Amino acid sequence: MKKSCFLAFVLFSAISSYAQLNVLNATKPEEIGKKSAAVIEADNADKPLPYGYVGERDILWAKTTWEEIDLDQRVNFPLLYPLDEIGGHRRPLFNLLVEAVTEDSITAYRDSYFNQKMSVEDIKLNLEAKSMSEAGLAAENSGEVVEDWMYNTAEADANAVQAYRIRGYWYFDKRQGELKYRLLAIAPVVYSAQNLLQKQDNPDLDIEAVELFWVFYPEVREILHDNYVFNGKNSANPITFDHLLNSRRFDATIYKEDNVQGDREVDDYISDNSLMQLLESNRIKETIRNFESDMWNY
């Protein structure tokens, strides 16, 4: 009985939270979850808050960091869920980024330095993969027609995302007297379709997630601004992906900083010790925080 009550509560909560859009002004159930004409007009006029101009002479101090957002952490769940599109108004962040680089002409790069561009074909190689099964090989060897069901297929979708990696720029603005952060790039870290296909053939195989692609964050701001994240504290006031990322409403671990050794990663000089790597990440964070604090201590 308790289990059924709990399930009913979860389903009711899900339905109510996902169907808040136009719920008060709908004249029939089919209109719930759909934007009214007034909302569409308001959304078209709404744009992401533009970044203010920062003069090079105003930057007193700066540091570039690379961070990994682990999606296993509960605080980062808004960047993971939903895994599927809900009602046309809630979409996974992964789907938005993939659509941006495959359909919306947003440039994708192989690294966070934007040195080498990726084509749509290169990206799709990691999104979809297929190989001929034993039945297909047998049919081919016997001269029979190889049908679609004789192929093993794998697809890297939102379920395959393990983390997001971001590159950001911390700087102290001496004109305004405060430490600021600017997000420069973001990359989904996923199990590629080829690795998932190998996992099907060998379930005991350990596979590693890879950086699917990097995008220059300012280029995708408008897309992320048009899509909302579920707000668990107030479902009537969702926030956009752009707001969530720019306001750093997530937990991340620094895995690299700009340094004289060619921006080497933390695990390059602290290997096989996760605890010490975490402590090193926290040390870098404290260095950044302490700079602003030290500016006001005499």
C-alpha atoms as a PDB file:
ATOM      1  CA  MET A   1       0.000   0.000   0.000  1.00  0.00           C
ATOM      2  CA  LYS A   2       2.777   2.400   0.934  1.00  0.00           C
ATOM      3  CA  LYS A   3       4.610   1.582  -2.274  1.00  0.00           C
ATOM      4  CA  SER A   4       1.541   2.277  -4.416  1.00  0.00           C
ATOM      5  CA  CYS A   5       0.865   5.550  -2.593  1.00  0.00           C
ATOM      6  CA  PHE A   6       4.462   6.610  -3.097  1.00  0.00           C
ATOM      7  CA  LEU A   7       4.296   5.749  -6.794  1.00  0.00           C
ATOM      8  CA  ALA A   8       1.072   7.718  -7.189  1.00  0.00           C
ATOM      9  CA  PHE A   9       2.685  10.683  -5.437  1.00  0.00           C
ATOM     10  CA  VAL A  10       5.724  10.565  -7.728  1.00  0.00           C
ATOM     11  CA  LEU A  11       3.556  10.355 -10.841  1.00  0.00           C
ATOM     12  CA  PHE A  12       1.362  13.223  -9.670  1.00  0.00           C
ATOM     13  CA  SER A  13       4.418  15.325  -8.859  1.00  0.00           C
ATOM     14  CA  ALA A  14       5.929  14.605 -12.256  1.00  0.00           C
ATOM     15  CA  ILE A  15       2.724  15.422 -14.131  1.00  0.00           C
ATOM     16  CA  SER A  16       2.090  18.591 -12.164  1.00  0.00           C
ATOM     17  CA  SER A  17       5.654  19.849 -12.473  1.00  0.00           C
ATOM     18  CA  TYR A  18       5.925  19.123 -16.201  1.00  0.00           C
ATOM     19  CA  ALA A  19       2.509  20.580 -17.061  1.00  0.00           C
ATOM     20  CA  GLN A  20       2.739  23.966 -15.349  1.00  0.00           C
ATOM     21  CA  LEU A  21       2.994  25.764 -18.675  1.00  0.00           C
ATOM     22  CA  ASN A  22      -0.338  27.469 -19.533  1.00  0.00           C
ATOM     23  CA  VAL A  23      -2.133  25.423 -16.863  1.00  0.00           C
ATOM     24  CA  LEU A  24      -4.167  28.388 -15.571  1.00  0.00           C
ATOM     25  CA  ASN A  25      -5.190  29.844 -18.933  1.00  0.00           C
ATOM     26  CA  ALA A  26      -5.998  26.606 -20.771  1.00  0.00           C
ATOM     27  CA  THR A  27      -9.582  26.175 -21.960  1.00  0.00           C
ATOM     28  CA  LYS A  28      -9.150  22.456 -22.644  1.00  0.00           C
ATOM     29  CA  PRO A  29      -6.651  19.790 -21.554  1.00  0.00           C
ATOM     30  CA  GLU A  30      -4.862  19.777 -24.919  1.00  0.00           C
ATOM     31  CA  GLU A  31      -3.684  23.349 -24.303  1.00  0.00           C
ATOM     32  CA  ILE A  32      -1.885  22.474 -21.052  1.00  0.00           C
ATOM     33  CA  GLY A  33       1.870  22.462 -21.568  1.00  0.00           C
ATOM     34  CA  LYS A  34       1.675  24.585 -24.725  1.00  0.00           C
ATOM     35  CA  LYS A  35       2.763  28.205 -24.920  1.00  0.00           C
ATOM     36  CA  SER A  36       0.081  30.793 -25.480  1.00  0.00           C
ATOM     37  CA  ALA A  37       0.470  33.445 -28.181  1.00  0.00           C
ATOM     38  CA  ALA A  38       1.333  36.049 -25.533  1.00  0.00           C
ATOM     39  CA  VAL A  39       4.070  33.843 -24.073  1.00  0.00           C
ATOM     40  CA  ILE A  40       5.539  33.105 -27.516  1.00  0.00           C
ATOM     41  CA  GLU A  41       5.647  36.821 -28.291  1.00  0.00           C
ATOM     42  CA  ALA A  42       7.339  37.550 -24.960  1.00  0.00           C
ATOM     43  CA  ASP A  43       9.854  34.750 -25.480  1.00  0.00           C
ATOM     44  CA  ASN A  44      10.794  36.052 -28.920  1.00  0.00           C
ATOM     45  CA  ALA A  45      11.658  39.404 -27.380  1.00  0.00           C
ATOM     46  CA  ASP A  46      13.614  37.804 -24.559  1.00  0.00           C
ATOM     47  CA  LYS A  47      17.355  37.479 -25.129  1.00  0.00           C
ATOM     48  CA  PRO A  48      20.197  36.349 -22.878  1.00  0.00           C
ATOM     49  CA  LEU A  49      21.712  39.100 -20.784  1.00  0.00           C
ATOM     50  CA  PRO A  50      24.636  40.422 -22.854  1.00  0.00           C
ATOM     51  CA  TYR A  51      28.110  40.334 -21.383  1.00  0.00           C
ATOM     52  CA  GLY A  52      29.470  43.749 -20.552  1.00  0.00           C
ATOM     53  CA  TYR A  53      32.575  45.017 -22.285  1.00  0.00           C
ATOM     54  CA  VAL A  54      35.752  44.443 -20.292  1.00  0.00           C
ATOM     55  CA  GLY A  55      38.822  46.435 -21.249  1.00  0.00           C
ATOM     56  CA  GLU A  56      42.136  44.619 -21.218  1.00  0.00           C
ATOM     57  CA  ARG A  57      43.572  47.289 -18.898  1.00  0.00           C
ATOM     58  CA  ASP A  58      40.799  46.598 -16.386  1.00  0.00           C
ATOM     59  CA  ILE A  59      41.936  42.994 -15.848  1.00  0.00           C
ATOM     60  CA  LEU A  60      44.316  43.064 -12.906  1.00  0.00           C
ATOM     61  CA  TRP A  61      44.667  39.286 -12.542  1.00  0.00           C
ATOM     62  CA  ALA A  62      43.354  36.254 -14.395  1.00  0.00           C
ATOM     63  CA  LYS A  63      43.474  32.458 -14.437  1.00  0.00           C
ATOM     64  CA  THR A  64      42.011  29.910 -16.849  1.00  0.00           C
ATOM     65  CA  THR A  65      40.599  26.701 -15.377  1.00  0.00           C
ATOM     66  CA  TRP A  66      39.146  23.502 -16.781  1.00  0.00           C
ATOM     67  CA  GLU A  67      36.503  21.771 -14.675  1.00  0.00           C
ATOM     68  CA  GLU A  68      34.511  18.550 -14.821  1.00  0.00           C
ATOM     69  CA  ILE A  69      30.860  18.514 -13.757  1.00  0.00           C
ATOM     70  CA  ASP A  70      30.125  14.996 -12.492  1.00  0.00           C
ATOM     71  CA  LEU A  71      26.514  14.123 -13.289  1.00  0.00           C
ATOM     72  CA  ASP A  72      26.403  11.477 -10.555  1.00  0.00           C
ATOM     73  CA  GLN A  73      26.173  14.276  -7.998  1.00  0.00           C
ATOM     74  CA  ARG A  74      22.646  15.243  -7.034  1.00  0.00           C
ATOM     75  CA  VAL A  75      23.302  18.970  -7.268  1.00  0.00           C
ATOM     76  CA  ASN A  76      24.187  18.479 -10.955  1.00  0.00           C
ATOM     77  CA  PHE A  77      21.032  16.533 -11.844  1.00  0.00           C
ATOM     78  CA  PRO A  78      19.469  19.550 -13.653  1.00  0.00           C
ATOM     79  CA  LEU A  79      22.225  19.165 -16.260  1.00  0.00           C
ATOM     80  CA  LEU A  80      21.461  15.449 -16.657  1.00  0.00           C
ATOM     81  CA  TYR A  81      17.672  15.164 -16.559  1.00  0.00           C
ATOM     82  CA  PRO A  82      15.364  14.760 -18.334  1.00  0.00           C
ATOM     83  CA  LEU A  83      16.887  11.948 -20.369  1.00  0.00           C
ATOM     84  CA  ASP A  84      14.073  12.290 -22.904  1.00  0.00           C
ATOM     85  CA  GLU A  85      12.170  15.309 -24.146  1.00  0.00           C
ATOM     86  CA  ILE A  86       9.110  16.118 -22.051  1.00  0.00           C
ATOM     87  CA  GLY A  87       6.070  17.795 -23.517  1.00  0.00           C
ATOM     88  CA  GLY A  88       8.150  19.738 -26.025  1.00  0.00           C
ATOM     89  CA  HIS A  89       9.237  22.308 -23.427  1.00  0.00           C
ATOM     90  CA  ARG A  90      11.877  20.404 -21.426  1.00  0.00           C
ATOM     91  CA  ARG A  91      14.818  18.917 -23.271  1.00  0.00           C
ATOM     92  CA  PRO A  92      18.131  17.346 -22.204  1.00  0.00           C
ATOM     93  CA  LEU A  93      21.153  19.630 -22.391  1.00  0.00           C
ATOM     94  CA  PHE A  94      22.910  16.963 -24.445  1.00  0.00           C
ATOM     95  CA  ASN A  95      20.202  17.095 -27.136  1.00  0.00           C
ATOM     96  CA  LEU A  96      20.457  20.883 -27.312  1.00  0.00           C
ATOM     97  CA  LEU A  97      24.226  20.819 -27.827  1.00  0.00           C
ATOM     98  CA  VAL A  98      24.127  18.018 -30.401  1.00  0.00           C
ATOM     99  CA  GLU A  99      21.354  19.749 -32.335  1.00  0.00           C
ATOM    100  CA  ALA A 100      23.298  23.018 -32.222  1.00  0.00           C
ATOM    101  CA  VAL A 101      26.366  21.525 -33.917  1.00  0.00           C
ATOM    102  CA  THR A 102      24.554  19.199 -36.330  1.00  0.00           C
ATOM    103  CA  GLU A 103      21.599  21.370 -37.397  1.00  0.00           C
ATOM    104  CA  ASP A 104      22.090  24.973 -36.262  1.00  0.00           C
ATOM    105  CA  SER A 105      25.520  25.620 -37.836  1.00  0.00           C
ATOM    106  CA  ILE A 106      27.276  26.066 -34.499  1.00  0.00           C
ATOM    107  CA  THR A 107      30.952  25.188 -34.919  1.00  0.00           C
ATOM    108  CA  ALA A 108      32.264  22.188 -32.993  1.00  0.00           C
ATOM    109  CA  TYR A 109      35.928  21.768 -32.054  1.00  0.00           C
ATOM    110  CA  ARG A 110      38.128  18.845 -31.061  1.00  0.00           C
ATOM    111  CA  ASP A 111      39.655  20.661 -28.086  1.00  0.00           C
ATOM    112  CA  SER A 112      38.979  23.538 -25.736  1.00  0.00           C
ATOM    113  CA  TYR A 113      41.548  25.748 -27.477  1.00  0.00           C
ATOM    114  CA  PHE A 114      39.395  25.817 -30.644  1.00  0.00           C
ATOM    115  CA  ASN A 115      42.355  24.746 -32.806  1.00  0.00           C
ATOM    116  CA  GLN A 116      40.673  22.122 -34.987  1.00  0.00           C
ATOM    117  CA  LYS A 117      37.091  22.159 -36.227  1.00  0.00           C
ATOM    118  CA  MET A 118      34.915  19.057 -36.421  1.00  0.00           C
ATOM    119  CA  SER A 119      32.537  18.268 -39.252  1.00  0.00           C
ATOM    120  CA  VAL A 120      29.020  16.960 -38.719  1.00  0.00           C
ATOM    121  CA  GLU A 121      30.154  13.617 -40.124  1.00  0.00           C
ATOM    122  CA  ASP A 122      32.935  13.408 -37.521  1.00  0.00           C
ATOM    123  CA  ILE A 123      30.444  14.002 -34.724  1.00  0.00           C
ATOM    124  CA  LYS A 124      27.938  11.480 -36.025  1.00  0.00           C
ATOM    125  CA  LEU A 125      30.641   8.785 -36.052  1.00  0.00           C
ATOM    126  CA  ASN A 126      30.574   8.904 -32.252  1.00  0.00           C
ATOM    127  CA  LEU A 127      26.786   9.245 -32.050  1.00  0.00           C
ATOM    128  CA  GLU A 128      25.740   6.225 -34.098  1.00  0.00           C
ATOM    129  CA  ALA A 129      27.471   2.950 -34.889  1.00  0.00           C
ATOM    130  CA  LYS A 130      26.531  -0.428 -36.279  1.00  0.00           C
ATOM    131  CA  SER A 131      28.252  -3.715 -37.064  1.00  0.00           C
ATOM    132  CA  MET A 132      27.147  -6.896 -38.730  1.00  0.00           C
ATOM    133  CA  SER A 133      26.000  -9.650 -36.387  1.00  0.00           C
ATOM    134  CA  GLU A 134      26.869 -13.322 -36.710  1.00  0.00           C
ATOM    135  CA  ALA A 135      23.568 -13.872 -38.484  1.00  0.00           C
ATOM    136  CA  GLY A 136      24.470 -11.145 -40.951  1.00  0.00           C
ATOM    137  CA  LEU A 137      27.913 -12.635 -41.588  1.00  0.00           C
ATOM    138  CA  ALA A 138      26.355 -16.038 -42.164  1.00  0.00           C
ATOM    139  CA  ALA A 139      23.851 -14.573 -44.609  1.00  0.00           C
ATOM    140  CA  GLU A 140      26.589 -12.668 -46.442  1.00  0.00           C
ATOM    141  CA  ASN A 141      28.799 -15.756 -46.706  1.00  0.00           C
ATOM    142  CA  SER A 142      25.919 -17.804 -48.091  1.00  0.00           C
ATOM    143  CA  GLY A 143      25.065 -15.147 -50.651  1.00  0.00           C
ATOM    144  CA  GLU A 144      21.774 -14.167 -49.018  1.00  0.00           C
ATOM    145  CA  VAL A 145      20.477 -10.613 -48.572  1.00  0.00           C
ATOM    146  CA  VAL A 146      21.682  -8.985 -45.331  1.00  0.00           C
ATOM    147  CA  GLU A 147      18.631  -7.439 -43.686  1.00  0.00           C
ATOM    148  CA  ASP A 148      18.516  -4.552 -41.202  1.00  0.00           C
ATOM    149  CA  TRP A 149      17.860  -6.766 -38.187  1.00  0.00           C
ATOM    150  CA  MET A 150      21.155  -8.572 -38.870  1.00  0.00           C
ATOM    151  CA  TYR A 151      23.128  -5.517 -37.680  1.00  0.00           C
ATOM    152  CA  ASN A 152      24.035  -4.623 -34.101  1.00  0.00           C
ATOM    153  CA  THR A 153      23.426  -0.925 -33.486  1.00  0.00           C
ATOM    154  CA  ALA A 154      24.342   1.523 -30.728  1.00  0.00           C
ATOM    155  CA  GLU A 155      23.518   5.165 -30.179  1.00  0.00           C
ATOM    156  CA  ALA A 156      25.092   7.712 -27.865  1.00  0.00           C
ATOM    157  CA  ASP A 157      22.198   9.717 -26.431  1.00  0.00           C
ATOM    158  CA  ALA A 158      21.511  11.563 -23.178  1.00  0.00           C
ATOM    159  CA  ASN A 159      21.753   8.257 -21.285  1.00  0.00           C
ATOM    160  CA  ALA A 160      25.410   7.971 -22.339  1.00  0.00           C
ATOM    161  CA  VAL A 161      26.462  11.325 -20.856  1.00  0.00           C
ATOM    162  CA  GLN A 162      28.711  10.943 -17.822  1.00  0.00           C
ATOM    163  CA  ALA A 163      29.871  14.511 -17.274  1.00  0.00           C
ATOM    164  CA  TYR A 164      30.344  17.930 -18.810  1.00  0.00           C
ATOM    165  CA  ARG A 165      33.678  19.651 -19.057  1.00  0.00           C
ATOM    166  CA  ILE A 166      33.940  23.414 -19.097  1.00  0.00           C
ATOM    167  CA  ARG A 167      36.682  25.922 -19.684  1.00  0.00           C
ATOM    168  CA  GLY A 168      36.349  29.212 -17.847  1.00  0.00           C
ATOM    169  CA  TYR A 169      38.214  32.427 -17.196  1.00  0.00           C
ATOM    170  CA  TRP A 170      38.504  33.899 -13.705  1.00  0.00           C
ATOM    171  CA  TYR A 171      39.555  37.539 -13.636  1.00  0.00           C
ATOM    172  CA  PHE A 172      39.690  40.438 -11.212  1.00  0.00           C
ATOM    173  CA  ASP A 173      38.060  43.559 -12.607  1.00  0.00           C
ATOM    174  CA  LYS A 174      39.903  46.452 -10.998  1.00  0.00           C
ATOM    175  CA  ARG A 175      37.360  48.975 -12.278  1.00  0.00           C
ATOM    176  CA  GLN A 176      34.526  47.268 -10.377  1.00  0.00           C
ATOM    177  CA  GLY A 177      36.775  45.814  -7.686  1.00  0.00           C
ATOM    178  CA  GLU A 178      35.482  42.217  -7.842  1.00  0.00           C
ATOM    179  CA  LEU A 179      36.379  38.738  -8.980  1.00  0.00           C
ATOM    180  CA  LYS A 180      34.356  37.531 -11.969  1.00  0.00           C
ATOM    181  CA  TYR A 181      33.973  34.388 -14.032  1.00  0.00           C
ATOM    182  CA  ARG A 182      33.339  33.979 -17.759  1.00  0.00           C
ATOM    183  CA  LEU A 183      32.402  30.603 -19.229  1.00  0.00           C
ATOM    184  CA  LEU A 184      34.276  30.051 -22.499  1.00  0.00           C
ATOM    185  CA  ALA A 185      33.629  26.484 -23.649  1.00  0.00           C
ATOM    186  CA  ILE A 186      31.625  23.376 -22.814  1.00  0.00           C
ATOM    187  CA  ALA A 187      31.908  19.724 -23.884  1.00  0.00           C
ATOM    188  CA  PRO A 188      29.740  16.657 -23.180  1.00  0.00           C
ATOM    189  CA  VAL A 189      31.696  13.633 -21.944  1.00  0.00           C
ATOM    190  CA  VAL A 190      29.946  10.489 -23.169  1.00  0.00           C
ATOM    191  CA  TYR A 191      30.391   6.833 -23.975  1.00  0.00           C
ATOM    192  CA  SER A 192      30.847   6.865 -27.748  1.00  0.00           C
ATOM    193  CA  ALA A 193      28.625   4.720 -29.941  1.00  0.00           C
ATOM    194  CA  GLN A 194      31.622   2.587 -30.954  1.00  0.00           C
ATOM    195  CA  ASN A 195      32.435   1.835 -27.316  1.00  0.00           C
ATOM    196  CA  LEU A 196      28.808   1.018 -26.558  1.00  0.00           C
ATOM    197  CA  LEU A 197      28.805  -1.372 -29.508  1.00  0.00           C
ATOM    198  CA  GLN A 198      31.898  -3.116 -28.150  1.00  0.00           C
ATOM    199  CA  LYS A 199      30.205  -3.306 -24.763  1.00  0.00           C
ATOM    200  CA  GLN A 200      27.288  -5.171 -26.337  1.00  0.00           C
ATOM    201  CA  ASP A 201      29.653  -7.828 -27.687  1.00  0.00           C
ATOM    202  CA  ASN A 202      31.669  -7.994 -24.457  1.00  0.00           C
ATOM    203  CA  PRO A 203      29.653  -6.951 -21.356  1.00  0.00           C
ATOM    204  CA  ASP A 204      32.735  -7.285 -19.118  1.00  0.00           C
ATOM    205  CA  LEU A 205      34.685  -4.740 -21.169  1.00  0.00           C
ATOM    206  CA  ASP A 206      35.572  -1.516 -19.344  1.00  0.00           C
ATOM    207  CA  ILE A 207      34.978   1.495 -21.550  1.00  0.00           C
ATOM    208  CA  GLU A 208      35.927   5.120 -20.957  1.00  0.00           C
ATOM    209  CA  ALA A 209      33.894   8.221 -21.694  1.00  0.00           C
ATOM    210  CA  VAL A 210      35.345  10.678 -24.196  1.00  0.00           C
ATOM    211  CA  GLU A 211      34.899  14.366 -24.983  1.00  0.00           C
ATOM    212  CA  LEU A 212      32.397  14.320 -27.824  1.00  0.00           C
ATOM    213  CA  PHE A 213      33.140  17.884 -28.987  1.00  0.00           C
ATOM    214  CA  TRP A 214      33.769  21.382 -27.636  1.00  0.00           C
ATOM    215  CA  VAL A 215      31.696  24.464 -28.448  1.00  0.00           C
ATOM    216  CA  PHE A 216      32.454  28.128 -27.865  1.00  0.00           C
ATOM    217  CA  TYR A 217      29.928  28.937 -25.156  1.00  0.00           C
ATOM    218  CA  PRO A 218      28.881  32.472 -26.283  1.00  0.00           C
ATOM    219  CA  GLU A 219      27.747  30.949 -29.599  1.00  0.00           C
ATOM    220  CA  VAL A 220      25.198  28.646 -27.925  1.00  0.00           C
ATOM    221  CA  ARG A 221      23.893  31.085 -25.313  1.00  0.00           C
ATOM    222  CA  GLU A 222      20.710  31.938 -27.202  1.00  0.00           C
ATOM    223  CA  ILE A 223      19.849  28.263 -27.669  1.00  0.00           C
ATOM    224  CA  LEU A 224      20.408  27.516 -23.986  1.00  0.00           C
ATOM    225  CA  HIS A 225      18.485  30.639 -23.008  1.00  0.00           C
ATOM    226  CA  ASP A 226      15.404  29.378 -24.864  1.00  0.00           C
ATOM    227  CA  ASN A 227      15.319  26.101 -22.898  1.00  0.00           C
ATOM    228  CA  TYR A 228      14.528  25.684 -19.237  1.00  0.00           C
ATOM    229  CA  VAL A 229      15.802  23.640 -16.310  1.00  0.00           C
ATOM    230  CA  PHE A 230      13.421  22.223 -13.747  1.00  0.00           C
ATOM    231  CA  ASN A 231      13.467  24.247 -10.514  1.00  0.00           C
ATOM    232  CA  GLY A 232      12.844  21.812  -7.658  1.00  0.00           C
ATOM    233  CA  LYS A 233      12.221  24.630  -5.173  1.00  0.00           C
ATOM    234  CA  ASN A 234       9.619  26.405  -7.294  1.00  0.00           C
ATOM    235  CA  SER A 235       8.254  24.722 -10.428  1.00  0.00           C
ATOM    236  CA  ALA A 236       6.442  27.940 -11.385  1.00  0.00           C
ATOM    237  CA  ASN A 237       9.791  29.694 -11.797  1.00  0.00           C
ATOM    238  CA  PRO A 238      12.101  27.559 -13.971  1.00  0.00           C
ATOM    239  CA  ILE A 239      15.532  28.877 -14.924  1.00  0.00           C
ATOM    240  CA  THR A 240      17.294  28.620 -18.252  1.00  0.00           C
ATOM    241  CA  PHE A 241      20.366  26.518 -18.957  1.00  0.00           C
ATOM    242  CA  ASP A 242      22.237  29.737 -19.684  1.00  0.00           C
ATOM    243  CA  HIS A 243      21.294  31.165 -16.287  1.00  0.00           C
ATOM    244  CA  LEU A 244      22.260  27.966 -14.495  1.00  0.00           C
ATOM    245  CA  LEU A 245      25.689  27.750 -16.119  1.00  0.00           C
ATOM    246  CA  ASN A 246      26.579  31.441 -15.961  1.00  0.00           C
ATOM    247  CA  SER A 247      25.578  31.669 -12.298  1.00  0.00           C
ATOM    248  CA  ARG A 248      27.597  28.482 -11.572  1.00  0.00           C
ATOM    249  CA  ARG A 249      24.698  26.633  -9.943  1.00  0.00           C
ATOM    250  CA  PHE A 250      26.567  23.343 -10.082  1.00  0.00           C
ATOM    251  CA  ASP A 251      29.464  21.567  -8.419  1.00  0.00           C
ATOM    252  CA  ALA A 252      32.626  20.922 -10.415  1.00  0.00           C
ATOM    253  CA  THR A 253      36.158  19.674  -9.902  1.00  0.00           C
ATOM    254  CA  ILE A 254      39.118  21.489 -11.439  1.00  0.00           C
ATOM    255  CA  TYR A 255      41.182  19.040 -13.459  1.00  0.00           C
ATOM    256  CA  LYS A 256      43.498  21.547 -15.165  1.00  0.00           C
ATOM    257  CA  GLU A 257      44.708  25.129 -14.911  1.00  0.00           C
ATOM    258  CA  ASP A 258      46.892  27.238 -17.173  1.00  0.00           C
ATOM    259  CA  ASN A 259      50.506  26.715 -16.153  1.00  0.00           C
ATOM    260  CA  VAL A 260      54.078  26.834 -17.397  1.00  0.00           C
ATOM    261  CA  GLN A 261      54.087  23.072 -18.118  1.00  0.00           C
ATOM    262  CA  GLY A 262      51.793  23.472 -21.120  1.00  0.00           C
ATOM    263  CA  ASP A 263      48.554  23.446 -19.107  1.00  0.00           C
ATOM    264  CA  ARG A 264      49.191  19.932 -17.834  1.00  0.00           C
ATOM    265  CA  GLU A 265      46.345  18.205 -16.045  1.00  0.00           C
ATOM    266  CA  VAL A 266      46.270  17.424 -12.345  1.00  0.00           C
ATOM    267  CA  ASP A 267      46.437  13.668 -12.896  1.00  0.00           C
ATOM    268  CA  ASP A 268      49.622  14.147 -14.935  1.00  0.00           C
ATOM    269  CA  TYR A 269      51.574  15.095 -11.804  1.00  0.00           C
ATOM    270  CA  ILE A 270      49.382  13.389  -9.187  1.00  0.00           C
ATOM    271  CA  SER A 271      48.631   9.926 -10.513  1.00  0.00           C
ATOM    272  CA  ASP A 272      46.754   6.979  -9.011  1.00  0.00           C
ATOM    273  CA  ASN A 273      45.569   8.964  -5.985  1.00  0.00           C
ATOM    274  CA  SER A 274      42.043  10.340  -6.280  1.00  0.00           C
ATOM    275  CA  LEU A 275      42.101  11.900  -2.814  1.00  0.00           C
ATOM    276  CA  MET A 276      45.241  13.929  -3.514  1.00  0.00           C
ATOM    277  CA  GLN A 277      43.837  14.969  -6.906  1.00  0.00           C
ATOM    278  CA  LEU A 278      40.710  16.261  -5.172  1.00  0.00           C
ATOM    279  CA  LEU A 279      42.809  18.127  -2.611  1.00  0.00           C
ATOM    280  CA  GLU A 280      44.849  19.679  -5.412  1.00  0.00           C
ATOM    281  CA  SER A 281      41.629  20.799  -7.114  1.00  0.00           C
ATOM    282  CA  ASN A 282      40.474  22.391  -3.873  1.00  0.00           C
ATOM    283  CA  ARG A 283      43.865  24.083  -3.479  1.00  0.00           C
ATOM    284  CA  ILE A 284      43.486  25.726  -6.885  1.00  0.00           C
ATOM    285  CA  LYS A 285      39.967  26.869  -5.946  1.00  0.00           C
ATOM    286  CA  GLU A 286      41.249  28.372  -2.703  1.00  0.00           C
ATOM    287  CA  THR A 287      43.996  30.203  -4.600  1.00  0.00           C
ATOM    288  CA  ILE A 288      41.351  31.865  -6.754  1.00  0.00           C
ATOM    289  CA  ARG A 289      39.082  32.709  -3.813  1.00  0.00           C
ATOM    290  CA  ASN A 290      41.942  34.032  -1.691  1.00  0.00           C
ATOM    291  CA  PHE A 291      43.089  36.470  -4.375  1.00  0.00           C
ATOM    292  CA  GLU A 292      39.927  38.551  -4.054  1.00  0.00           C
ATOM    293  CA  SER A 293      40.040  38.343  -0.262  1.00  0.00           C
ATOM    294  CA  ASP A 294      43.675  39.390  -0.179  1.00  0.00           C
ATOM    295  CA  MET A 295      42.888  42.478  -2.248  1.00  0.00           C
ATOM    296  CA  TRP A 296      40.997  43.945   0.708  1.00  0.00           C
ATOM    297  CA  ASN A 297      43.424  42.902   3.478  1.00  0.00           C
ATOM    298  CA  TYR A 298      46.206  45.222   4.423  1.00  0.00           C
END
